[in-house]
Amino acid sequence: MENTYTLSIFTEDKIGLLNRVTIIFTRRHINIESITASESEVKGIYRYTIVVTVSQEQVEKLVGQIEKQVEVLKAFYHINNDILSREMALYKVSADALKENELFTRIVNENHAKILSISPEFIVIEKTGDEREIKHLFNDLEKFGMLEFVRSGRVAITKPMKTLNTFLKEVENNSKTTVKHFNK
């Protein structure tokens, strides 16, 4: 049975690494539904957040293959209940929406969206939320003449309290122990 998983991949900042990671998905014919890359809470460590819909067995193999990349420090996968996530979207609609100002304003307010720009030709609206909320606002605004739409990939943090710093300290302590045993 397939489920949606969010992968958190912590890496060094190396050119070409993202390409090598995405090739792992391509070779397995796994579609990446969303991908974002950013700095993490640890200086010099970057985080890729990737969303896929696969089986439990596939995601486990995928994470195992990703962790074989030298510059990958750790990869985790999570089900939706284990994370808090958001996306950001921008909608450009025709300025004609102002002809129905009351309805337009109500839709923007009810969706907790924000008007970023108004020009004689178009209006740009910003919305932060989950995928369902982003799509809902898209459907509501479409009647005003959607000129352009763009949405970010998912950004997510985990609910469990084990942090990357904790993991890195465990790795460091384990490697010190290994070195001590090796030197005896």
N, C-alpha and C. Protein backbone atom coordinates (compact mmCIF):
# COMPACT_ATOMS: atom_id res chain seq x y z
N MET A 1 0.84 -1.18 0.00
CA MET A 1 0.00 0.00 0.00
C MET A 1 0.89 1.25 0.00
N GLU A 2 0.56 2.19 -0.84
CA GLU A 2 1.36 3.42 -0.93
C GLU A 2 0.83 4.48 0.02
N ASN A 3 1.77 5.22 0.60
CA ASN A 3 1.47 6.36 1.47
C ASN A 3 2.35 7.53 1.06
N THR A 4 1.98 8.70 1.52
CA THR A 4 2.81 9.88 1.28
C THR A 4 3.81 9.99 2.42
N TYR A 5 5.08 10.14 2.04
CA TYR A 5 6.17 10.27 3.01
C TYR A 5 6.91 11.57 2.75
N THR A 6 7.36 12.20 3.82
CA THR A 6 8.22 13.36 3.73
C THR A 6 9.61 12.95 4.18
N LEU A 7 10.58 13.10 3.29
CA LEU A 7 11.96 12.75 3.62
C LEU A 7 12.71 14.01 4.03
N SER A 8 13.47 13.91 5.09
CA SER A 8 14.37 14.98 5.53
C SER A 8 15.78 14.44 5.36
N ILE A 9 16.55 15.08 4.50
CA ILE A 9 17.90 14.61 4.19
C ILE A 9 18.87 15.71 4.59
N PHE A 10 19.77 15.39 5.52
CA PHE A 10 20.74 16.36 6.01
C PHE A 10 22.08 16.07 5.36
N THR A 11 22.67 17.13 4.76
CA THR A 11 23.88 16.95 3.96
C THR A 11 24.90 18.04 4.21
N GLU A 12 26.10 17.76 3.72
CA GLU A 12 27.10 18.81 3.60
C GLU A 12 26.69 19.65 2.38
N ASP A 13 27.25 20.83 2.25
CA ASP A 13 26.94 21.70 1.12
C ASP A 13 27.94 21.42 -0.01
N LYS A 14 27.60 20.48 -0.87
CA LYS A 14 28.49 20.08 -1.96
C LYS A 14 27.78 20.22 -3.30
N ILE A 15 28.47 20.76 -4.27
CA ILE A 15 27.93 20.93 -5.61
C ILE A 15 27.67 19.55 -6.21
N GLY A 16 26.50 19.39 -6.82
CA GLY A 16 26.15 18.15 -7.50
C GLY A 16 25.47 17.12 -6.63
N LEU A 17 25.43 17.34 -5.31
CA LEU A 17 24.84 16.35 -4.42
C LEU A 17 23.34 16.21 -4.65
N LEU A 18 22.65 17.32 -4.82
CA LEU A 18 21.20 17.23 -5.07
C LEU A 18 20.93 16.43 -6.34
N ASN A 19 21.74 16.61 -7.36
CA ASN A 19 21.59 15.83 -8.58
C ASN A 19 21.77 14.34 -8.31
N ARG A 20 22.79 13.99 -7.54
CA ARG A 20 23.02 12.57 -7.22
C ARG A 20 21.87 11.98 -6.41
N VAL A 21 21.31 12.78 -5.52
CA VAL A 21 20.17 12.31 -4.72
C VAL A 21 18.95 12.10 -5.62
N THR A 22 18.67 13.04 -6.50
CA THR A 22 17.48 12.89 -7.35
C THR A 22 17.63 11.74 -8.34
N ILE A 23 18.84 11.40 -8.73
CA ILE A 23 19.06 10.25 -9.62
C ILE A 23 18.61 8.96 -8.93
N ILE A 24 18.76 8.89 -7.62
CA ILE A 24 18.31 7.71 -6.87
C ILE A 24 16.81 7.51 -7.07
N PHE A 25 16.05 8.58 -7.08
CA PHE A 25 14.60 8.50 -7.30
C PHE A 25 14.32 8.09 -8.75
N THR A 26 15.03 8.70 -9.68
CA THR A 26 14.82 8.43 -11.11
C THR A 26 15.06 6.97 -11.42
N ARG A 27 16.14 6.40 -10.91
CA ARG A 27 16.47 5.00 -11.18
C ARG A 27 15.38 4.05 -10.68
N ARG A 28 14.67 4.45 -9.65
CA ARG A 28 13.61 3.62 -9.09
C ARG A 28 12.23 3.99 -9.62
N HIS A 29 12.19 4.90 -10.57
CA HIS A 29 10.93 5.36 -11.17
C HIS A 29 9.97 5.91 -10.11
N ILE A 30 10.53 6.69 -9.17
CA ILE A 30 9.74 7.31 -8.11
C ILE A 30 9.63 8.79 -8.41
N ASN A 31 8.40 9.26 -8.48
CA ASN A 31 8.13 10.66 -8.76
C ASN A 31 8.32 11.50 -7.49
N ILE A 32 9.07 12.58 -7.61
CA ILE A 32 9.22 13.54 -6.52
C ILE A 32 8.06 14.53 -6.64
N GLU A 33 7.19 14.55 -5.64
CA GLU A 33 6.02 15.43 -5.68
C GLU A 33 6.36 16.86 -5.25
N SER A 34 7.37 16.98 -4.40
CA SER A 34 7.76 18.29 -3.89
C SER A 34 9.19 18.18 -3.39
N ILE A 35 9.96 19.25 -3.60
CA ILE A 35 11.33 19.27 -3.11
C ILE A 35 11.71 20.70 -2.72
N THR A 36 12.32 20.83 -1.56
CA THR A 36 12.88 22.12 -1.14
C THR A 36 14.26 21.86 -0.55
N ALA A 37 15.10 22.84 -0.64
CA ALA A 37 16.45 22.75 -0.08
C ALA A 37 16.72 24.05 0.68
N SER A 38 17.32 23.91 1.85
CA SER A 38 17.62 25.10 2.65
C SER A 38 18.69 24.77 3.68
N GLU A 39 19.15 25.81 4.34
CA GLU A 39 20.06 25.62 5.46
C GLU A 39 19.28 24.97 6.59
N SER A 40 19.98 24.25 7.46
CA SER A 40 19.33 23.67 8.64
C SER A 40 19.69 24.50 9.86
N GLU A 41 19.31 24.00 11.02
CA GLU A 41 19.62 24.70 12.26
C GLU A 41 21.09 24.59 12.65
N VAL A 42 21.83 23.72 11.95
CA VAL A 42 23.26 23.53 12.24
C VAL A 42 24.07 24.19 11.13
N LYS A 43 24.98 25.07 11.52
CA LYS A 43 25.80 25.79 10.54
C LYS A 43 26.55 24.82 9.64
N GLY A 44 26.46 25.05 8.33
CA GLY A 44 27.15 24.22 7.35
C GLY A 44 26.42 22.96 6.94
N ILE A 45 25.27 22.70 7.54
CA ILE A 45 24.47 21.51 7.21
C ILE A 45 23.21 21.98 6.48
N TYR A 46 22.90 21.32 5.38
CA TYR A 46 21.73 21.67 4.58
C TYR A 46 20.70 20.56 4.64
N ARG A 47 19.46 20.95 4.38
CA ARG A 47 18.34 20.02 4.49
C ARG A 47 17.56 20.02 3.19
N TYR A 48 17.35 18.82 2.65
CA TYR A 48 16.43 18.64 1.52
C TYR A 48 15.16 18.05 2.11
N THR A 49 14.03 18.62 1.76
CA THR A 49 12.74 18.07 2.15
C THR A 49 12.07 17.60 0.88
N ILE A 50 11.83 16.30 0.80
CA ILE A 50 11.30 15.70 -0.43
C ILE A 50 10.04 14.91 -0.08
N VAL A 51 9.00 15.09 -0.89
CA VAL A 51 7.73 14.39 -0.69
C VAL A 51 7.55 13.38 -1.80
N VAL A 52 7.24 12.14 -1.40
CA VAL A 52 6.99 11.05 -2.35
C VAL A 52 5.80 10.23 -1.88
N THR A 53 5.17 9.53 -2.82
CA THR A 53 4.12 8.57 -2.50
C THR A 53 4.61 7.21 -2.96
N VAL A 54 4.93 6.36 -1.98
CA VAL A 54 5.50 5.04 -2.24
C VAL A 54 5.07 4.07 -1.13
N SER A 55 5.49 2.83 -1.25
CA SER A 55 5.22 1.85 -0.19
C SER A 55 6.25 2.01 0.93
N GLN A 56 5.96 1.41 2.08
CA GLN A 56 6.88 1.44 3.22
C GLN A 56 8.23 0.82 2.82
N GLU A 57 8.18 -0.30 2.11
CA GLU A 57 9.40 -0.98 1.68
C GLU A 57 10.23 -0.08 0.76
N GLN A 58 9.55 0.60 -0.18
CA GLN A 58 10.27 1.48 -1.10
C GLN A 58 10.93 2.64 -0.38
N VAL A 59 10.24 3.26 0.57
CA VAL A 59 10.81 4.41 1.26
C VAL A 59 12.00 3.99 2.12
N GLU A 60 11.94 2.81 2.71
CA GLU A 60 13.06 2.32 3.51
C GLU A 60 14.29 2.09 2.63
N LYS A 61 14.10 1.47 1.46
CA LYS A 61 15.21 1.24 0.53
C LYS A 61 15.76 2.56 0.01
N LEU A 62 14.85 3.50 -0.28
CA LEU A 62 15.23 4.81 -0.78
C LEU A 62 16.13 5.54 0.21
N VAL A 63 15.71 5.58 1.46
CA VAL A 63 16.50 6.24 2.51
C VAL A 63 17.86 5.55 2.66
N GLY A 64 17.87 4.24 2.59
CA GLY A 64 19.13 3.50 2.68
C GLY A 64 20.09 3.86 1.56
N GLN A 65 19.58 3.98 0.35
CA GLN A 65 20.41 4.35 -0.79
C GLN A 65 20.91 5.80 -0.67
N ILE A 66 20.05 6.69 -0.22
CA ILE A 66 20.42 8.09 -0.06
C ILE A 66 21.55 8.22 0.97
N GLU A 67 21.45 7.46 2.05
CA GLU A 67 22.47 7.55 3.11
C GLU A 67 23.82 7.00 2.67
N LYS A 68 23.89 6.28 1.56
CA LYS A 68 25.16 5.78 1.05
C LYS A 68 25.98 6.88 0.38
N GLN A 69 25.35 8.01 0.06
CA GLN A 69 26.08 9.13 -0.51
C GLN A 69 27.01 9.69 0.56
N VAL A 70 28.26 9.88 0.23
CA VAL A 70 29.28 10.26 1.21
C VAL A 70 28.90 11.54 1.96
N GLU A 71 28.38 12.53 1.26
CA GLU A 71 28.11 13.83 1.90
C GLU A 71 26.77 13.87 2.63
N VAL A 72 26.00 12.80 2.59
CA VAL A 72 24.73 12.75 3.31
C VAL A 72 25.02 12.31 4.74
N LEU A 73 24.63 13.15 5.70
CA LEU A 73 24.87 12.83 7.11
C LEU A 73 23.80 11.89 7.64
N LYS A 74 22.53 12.17 7.30
CA LYS A 74 21.43 11.33 7.77
C LYS A 74 20.19 11.65 6.94
N ALA A 75 19.39 10.61 6.72
CA ALA A 75 18.11 10.78 6.03
C ALA A 75 17.04 10.13 6.89
N PHE A 76 15.92 10.80 6.99
CA PHE A 76 14.78 10.30 7.76
C PHE A 76 13.55 10.32 6.86
N TYR A 77 12.57 9.48 7.16
CA TYR A 77 11.28 9.59 6.48
C TYR A 77 10.20 9.64 7.54
N HIS A 78 9.13 10.36 7.20
CA HIS A 78 8.05 10.60 8.16
C HIS A 78 6.71 10.48 7.45
N ILE A 79 5.70 10.00 8.17
CA ILE A 79 4.33 10.06 7.68
C ILE A 79 3.78 11.43 8.07
N ASN A 80 2.67 11.83 7.47
CA ASN A 80 2.13 13.17 7.70
C ASN A 80 1.81 13.46 9.16
N ASN A 81 1.41 12.44 9.93
CA ASN A 81 1.08 12.67 11.35
C ASN A 81 2.29 13.03 12.20
N ASP A 82 3.50 12.73 11.70
CA ASP A 82 4.73 12.97 12.46
C ASP A 82 5.37 14.32 12.16
N ILE A 83 4.76 15.12 11.29
CA ILE A 83 5.37 16.40 10.91
C ILE A 83 4.36 17.53 10.97
N LEU A 84 4.89 18.73 11.02
CA LEU A 84 4.12 19.95 10.80
C LEU A 84 4.68 20.52 9.51
N SER A 85 3.81 20.79 8.54
CA SER A 85 4.31 21.24 7.25
C SER A 85 3.47 22.38 6.70
N ARG A 86 4.07 23.13 5.80
CA ARG A 86 3.40 24.23 5.12
C ARG A 86 4.00 24.39 3.74
N GLU A 87 3.22 25.01 2.88
CA GLU A 87 3.67 25.44 1.56
C GLU A 87 3.28 26.90 1.44
N MET A 88 3.90 27.59 0.50
CA MET A 88 3.54 28.98 0.24
C MET A 88 3.18 29.07 -1.23
N ALA A 89 2.14 29.84 -1.52
CA ALA A 89 1.71 30.00 -2.91
C ALA A 89 1.46 31.46 -3.22
N LEU A 90 1.70 31.82 -4.48
CA LEU A 90 1.37 33.14 -5.00
C LEU A 90 0.38 32.97 -6.14
N TYR A 91 -0.65 33.78 -6.14
CA TYR A 91 -1.70 33.75 -7.15
C TYR A 91 -1.76 35.12 -7.81
N LYS A 92 -1.74 35.16 -9.12
CA LYS A 92 -1.92 36.42 -9.84
C LYS A 92 -3.25 36.32 -10.56
N VAL A 93 -4.19 37.19 -10.18
CA VAL A 93 -5.52 37.20 -10.81
C VAL A 93 -5.75 38.54 -11.50
N SER A 94 -6.67 38.54 -12.40
CA SER A 94 -7.01 39.75 -13.13
C SER A 94 -7.51 40.83 -12.16
N ALA A 95 -7.15 42.06 -12.44
CA ALA A 95 -7.63 43.19 -11.62
C ALA A 95 -9.13 43.35 -11.71
N ASP A 96 -9.74 42.69 -12.67
CA ASP A 96 -11.21 42.70 -12.78
C ASP A 96 -11.87 42.13 -11.53
N ALA A 97 -11.10 41.39 -10.71
CA ALA A 97 -11.64 40.84 -9.47
C ALA A 97 -12.17 41.94 -8.56
N LEU A 98 -11.60 43.15 -8.71
CA LEU A 98 -12.05 44.27 -7.88
C LEU A 98 -13.46 44.73 -8.24
N LYS A 99 -13.94 44.33 -9.44
CA LYS A 99 -15.33 44.66 -9.81
C LYS A 99 -16.31 43.92 -8.90
N GLU A 100 -15.86 42.77 -8.37
CA GLU A 100 -16.65 42.01 -7.41
C GLU A 100 -15.95 42.09 -6.04
N ASN A 101 -15.65 43.31 -5.64
CA ASN A 101 -14.81 43.56 -4.48
C ASN A 101 -15.27 42.83 -3.22
N GLU A 102 -16.56 42.84 -2.94
CA GLU A 102 -17.05 42.21 -1.71
C GLU A 102 -16.78 40.71 -1.70
N LEU A 103 -17.09 40.02 -2.80
CA LEU A 103 -16.84 38.58 -2.91
C LEU A 103 -15.34 38.29 -2.87
N PHE A 104 -14.57 39.06 -3.64
CA PHE A 104 -13.12 38.87 -3.70
C PHE A 104 -12.50 39.04 -2.32
N THR A 105 -12.84 40.10 -1.62
CA THR A 105 -12.30 40.38 -0.29
C THR A 105 -12.70 39.29 0.69
N ARG A 106 -13.94 38.81 0.60
CA ARG A 106 -14.40 37.75 1.49
C ARG A 106 -13.58 36.47 1.27
N ILE A 107 -13.34 36.10 0.02
CA ILE A 107 -12.56 34.90 -0.29
C ILE A 107 -11.14 35.02 0.25
N VAL A 108 -10.52 36.16 0.03
CA VAL A 108 -9.15 36.36 0.52
C VAL A 108 -9.12 36.27 2.04
N ASN A 109 -10.05 36.93 2.71
CA ASN A 109 -10.07 36.93 4.18
C ASN A 109 -10.40 35.55 4.76
N GLU A 110 -11.39 34.88 4.19
CA GLU A 110 -11.78 33.55 4.70
C GLU A 110 -10.66 32.53 4.55
N ASN A 111 -9.81 32.72 3.57
CA ASN A 111 -8.70 31.80 3.34
C ASN A 111 -7.41 32.25 4.04
N HIS A 112 -7.51 33.28 4.86
CA HIS A 112 -6.35 33.81 5.59
C HIS A 112 -5.19 34.09 4.64
N ALA A 113 -5.52 34.65 3.49
CA ALA A 113 -4.52 35.02 2.49
C ALA A 113 -4.22 36.50 2.65
N LYS A 114 -3.23 36.94 1.88
CA LYS A 114 -2.77 38.33 1.99
C LYS A 114 -2.58 38.89 0.59
N ILE A 115 -3.07 40.09 0.36
CA ILE A 115 -2.85 40.77 -0.92
C ILE A 115 -1.47 41.42 -0.87
N LEU A 116 -0.61 41.04 -1.81
CA LEU A 116 0.75 41.57 -1.84
C LEU A 116 0.87 42.79 -2.74
N SER A 117 0.08 42.79 -3.84
CA SER A 117 0.24 43.86 -4.82
C SER A 117 -1.05 44.03 -5.61
N ILE A 118 -1.37 45.29 -5.88
CA ILE A 118 -2.50 45.61 -6.75
C ILE A 118 -2.00 46.55 -7.82
N SER A 119 -2.25 46.18 -9.08
CA SER A 119 -1.89 47.04 -10.20
C SER A 119 -3.12 47.17 -11.10
N PRO A 120 -3.07 48.03 -12.10
CA PRO A 120 -4.23 48.16 -12.99
C PRO A 120 -4.56 46.86 -13.75
N GLU A 121 -3.59 45.98 -13.94
CA GLU A 121 -3.82 44.76 -14.70
C GLU A 121 -4.05 43.52 -13.84
N PHE A 122 -3.45 43.46 -12.64
CA PHE A 122 -3.52 42.23 -11.85
C PHE A 122 -3.40 42.50 -10.36
N ILE A 123 -3.74 41.46 -9.60
CA ILE A 123 -3.61 41.45 -8.13
C ILE A 123 -2.81 40.20 -7.77
N VAL A 124 -1.84 40.33 -6.86
CA VAL A 124 -1.07 39.19 -6.40
C VAL A 124 -1.46 38.89 -4.95
N ILE A 125 -1.80 37.62 -4.72
CA ILE A 125 -2.23 37.17 -3.40
C ILE A 125 -1.24 36.12 -2.91
N GLU A 126 -0.95 36.13 -1.62
CA GLU A 126 -0.06 35.15 -0.99
C GLU A 126 -0.86 34.30 -0.01
N LYS A 127 -0.57 33.00 0.00
CA LYS A 127 -1.23 32.09 0.93
C LYS A 127 -0.20 31.09 1.46
N THR A 128 -0.18 30.91 2.76
CA THR A 128 0.62 29.87 3.39
C THR A 128 -0.34 28.88 4.02
N GLY A 129 -0.09 27.59 3.77
CA GLY A 129 -0.96 26.56 4.34
C GLY A 129 -0.57 25.20 3.85
N ASP A 130 -1.44 24.22 4.10
CA ASP A 130 -1.17 22.88 3.59
C ASP A 130 -1.68 22.78 2.15
N GLU A 131 -1.36 21.67 1.52
CA GLU A 131 -1.68 21.49 0.10
C GLU A 131 -3.18 21.66 -0.17
N ARG A 132 -4.01 21.14 0.72
CA ARG A 132 -5.46 21.24 0.55
C ARG A 132 -5.92 22.71 0.59
N GLU A 133 -5.38 23.51 1.50
CA GLU A 133 -5.75 24.92 1.62
C GLU A 133 -5.29 25.71 0.39
N ILE A 134 -4.09 25.39 -0.12
CA ILE A 134 -3.55 26.06 -1.30
C ILE A 134 -4.45 25.79 -2.50
N LYS A 135 -4.86 24.53 -2.68
CA LYS A 135 -5.73 24.16 -3.81
C LYS A 135 -7.12 24.79 -3.67
N HIS A 136 -7.61 24.84 -2.43
CA HIS A 136 -8.94 25.42 -2.19
C HIS A 136 -8.97 26.88 -2.61
N LEU A 137 -7.96 27.65 -2.21
CA LEU A 137 -7.92 29.06 -2.60
C LEU A 137 -7.76 29.20 -4.12
N PHE A 138 -6.96 28.32 -4.72
CA PHE A 138 -6.82 28.34 -6.18
C PHE A 138 -8.19 28.21 -6.84
N ASN A 139 -8.97 27.24 -6.39
CA ASN A 139 -10.30 27.01 -6.96
C ASN A 139 -11.21 28.21 -6.76
N ASP A 140 -11.13 28.84 -5.59
CA ASP A 140 -11.95 30.02 -5.30
C ASP A 140 -11.56 31.22 -6.16
N LEU A 141 -10.26 31.39 -6.41
CA LEU A 141 -9.78 32.55 -7.17
C LEU A 141 -9.88 32.36 -8.68
N GLU A 142 -9.99 31.13 -9.12
CA GLU A 142 -10.01 30.84 -10.55
C GLU A 142 -11.13 31.59 -11.28
N LYS A 143 -12.25 31.81 -10.62
CA LYS A 143 -13.39 32.50 -11.24
C LYS A 143 -13.09 33.98 -11.57
N PHE A 144 -12.01 34.52 -10.99
CA PHE A 144 -11.65 35.91 -11.25
C PHE A 144 -10.64 36.05 -12.40
N GLY A 145 -10.23 34.92 -12.96
CA GLY A 145 -9.26 34.95 -14.06
C GLY A 145 -7.85 34.75 -13.54
N MET A 146 -7.46 33.50 -13.40
CA MET A 146 -6.12 33.18 -12.90
C MET A 146 -5.12 33.46 -14.01
N LEU A 147 -4.20 34.37 -13.77
CA LEU A 147 -3.18 34.73 -14.74
C LEU A 147 -1.89 33.95 -14.53
N GLU A 148 -1.60 33.68 -13.26
CA GLU A 148 -0.37 32.97 -12.94
C GLU A 148 -0.51 32.37 -11.55
N PHE A 149 0.16 31.23 -11.35
CA PHE A 149 0.12 30.54 -10.06
C PHE A 149 1.45 29.85 -9.85
N VAL A 150 2.00 29.97 -8.66
CA VAL A 150 3.23 29.28 -8.30
C VAL A 150 3.14 28.87 -6.84
N ARG A 151 3.70 27.70 -6.56
CA ARG A 151 3.64 27.20 -5.19
C ARG A 151 5.00 26.60 -4.84
N SER A 152 5.40 26.79 -3.60
CA SER A 152 6.67 26.24 -3.14
C SER A 152 6.52 24.76 -2.88
N GLY A 153 7.64 24.10 -2.63
CA GLY A 153 7.59 22.74 -2.14
C GLY A 153 7.26 22.77 -0.65
N ARG A 154 7.01 21.61 -0.11
CA ARG A 154 6.69 21.48 1.30
C ARG A 154 7.92 21.79 2.15
N VAL A 155 7.71 22.54 3.21
CA VAL A 155 8.71 22.68 4.26
C VAL A 155 8.10 22.02 5.49
N ALA A 156 8.91 21.28 6.23
CA ALA A 156 8.36 20.50 7.33
C ALA A 156 9.35 20.39 8.48
N ILE A 157 8.79 20.32 9.66
CA ILE A 157 9.58 19.99 10.85
C ILE A 157 8.90 18.81 11.52
N THR A 158 9.69 18.04 12.25
CA THR A 158 9.14 16.84 12.87
C THR A 158 8.57 17.16 14.24
N LYS A 159 7.58 16.38 14.63
CA LYS A 159 7.02 16.51 15.97
C LYS A 159 7.91 15.84 17.02
N PRO A 160 8.51 14.66 16.71
CA PRO A 160 9.39 14.05 17.72
C PRO A 160 10.51 15.01 18.10
N MET A 161 10.94 14.93 19.34
CA MET A 161 11.88 15.92 19.87
C MET A 161 13.34 15.64 19.60
N LYS A 162 13.72 14.53 18.98
CA LYS A 162 15.12 14.28 18.69
C LYS A 162 15.57 15.23 17.59
N THR A 163 16.50 16.10 17.89
CA THR A 163 16.94 17.12 16.94
C THR A 163 18.17 16.66 16.17
N LEU A 164 18.49 17.37 15.11
CA LEU A 164 19.69 17.07 14.34
C LEU A 164 20.93 17.21 15.22
N ASN A 165 20.95 18.23 16.06
CA ASN A 165 22.10 18.42 16.98
C ASN A 165 22.30 17.18 17.85
N THR A 166 21.20 16.62 18.37
CA THR A 166 21.28 15.42 19.21
C THR A 166 21.86 14.27 18.40
N PHE A 167 21.36 14.08 17.19
CA PHE A 167 21.86 13.01 16.33
C PHE A 167 23.35 13.18 16.05
N LEU A 168 23.77 14.41 15.72
CA LEU A 168 25.19 14.66 15.41
C LEU A 168 26.08 14.39 16.62
N LYS A 169 25.61 14.74 17.82
CA LYS A 169 26.38 14.47 19.03
C LYS A 169 26.52 12.96 19.26
N GLU A 170 25.43 12.21 19.00
CA GLU A 170 25.50 10.75 19.14
C GLU A 170 26.51 10.16 18.16
N VAL A 171 26.50 10.65 16.92
CA VAL A 171 27.46 10.17 15.92
C VAL A 171 28.88 10.49 16.37
N GLU A 172 29.08 11.72 16.86
CA GLU A 172 30.41 12.13 17.32
C GLU A 172 30.87 11.27 18.48
N ASN A 173 30.00 11.02 19.45
CA ASN A 173 30.36 10.18 20.61
C ASN A 173 30.66 8.75 20.18
N ASN A 174 29.87 8.22 19.23
CA ASN A 174 30.11 6.86 18.74
C ASN A 174 31.44 6.77 18.01
N SER A 175 31.78 7.80 17.23
CA SER A 175 33.04 7.76 16.49
C SER A 175 34.22 7.89 17.45
N LYS A 176 34.10 8.65 18.52
CA LYS A 176 35.17 8.76 19.52
C LYS A 176 35.37 7.42 20.21
N THR A 177 34.25 6.73 20.52
CA THR A 177 34.33 5.42 21.15
C THR A 177 35.01 4.43 20.21
N THR A 178 34.65 4.47 18.94
CA THR A 178 35.25 3.58 17.95
C THR A 178 36.74 3.83 17.83
N VAL A 179 37.16 5.09 17.82
CA VAL A 179 38.56 5.44 17.72
C VAL A 179 39.32 4.95 18.95
N LYS A 180 38.72 5.08 20.14
CA LYS A 180 39.36 4.61 21.37
C LYS A 180 39.59 3.10 21.31
N HIS A 181 38.56 2.36 20.85
CA HIS A 181 38.69 0.91 20.76
C HIS A 181 39.71 0.53 19.70
N PHE A 182 39.79 1.28 18.64
CA PHE A 182 40.72 1.00 17.56
C PHE A 182 42.17 1.23 18.01
N ASN A 183 42.38 2.26 18.83
CA ASN A 183 43.73 2.62 19.27
C ASN A 183 44.25 1.70 20.38
N LYS A 184 43.41 0.91 21.00
CA LYS A 184 43.87 0.02 22.10
C LYS A 184 44.70 -1.09 21.59
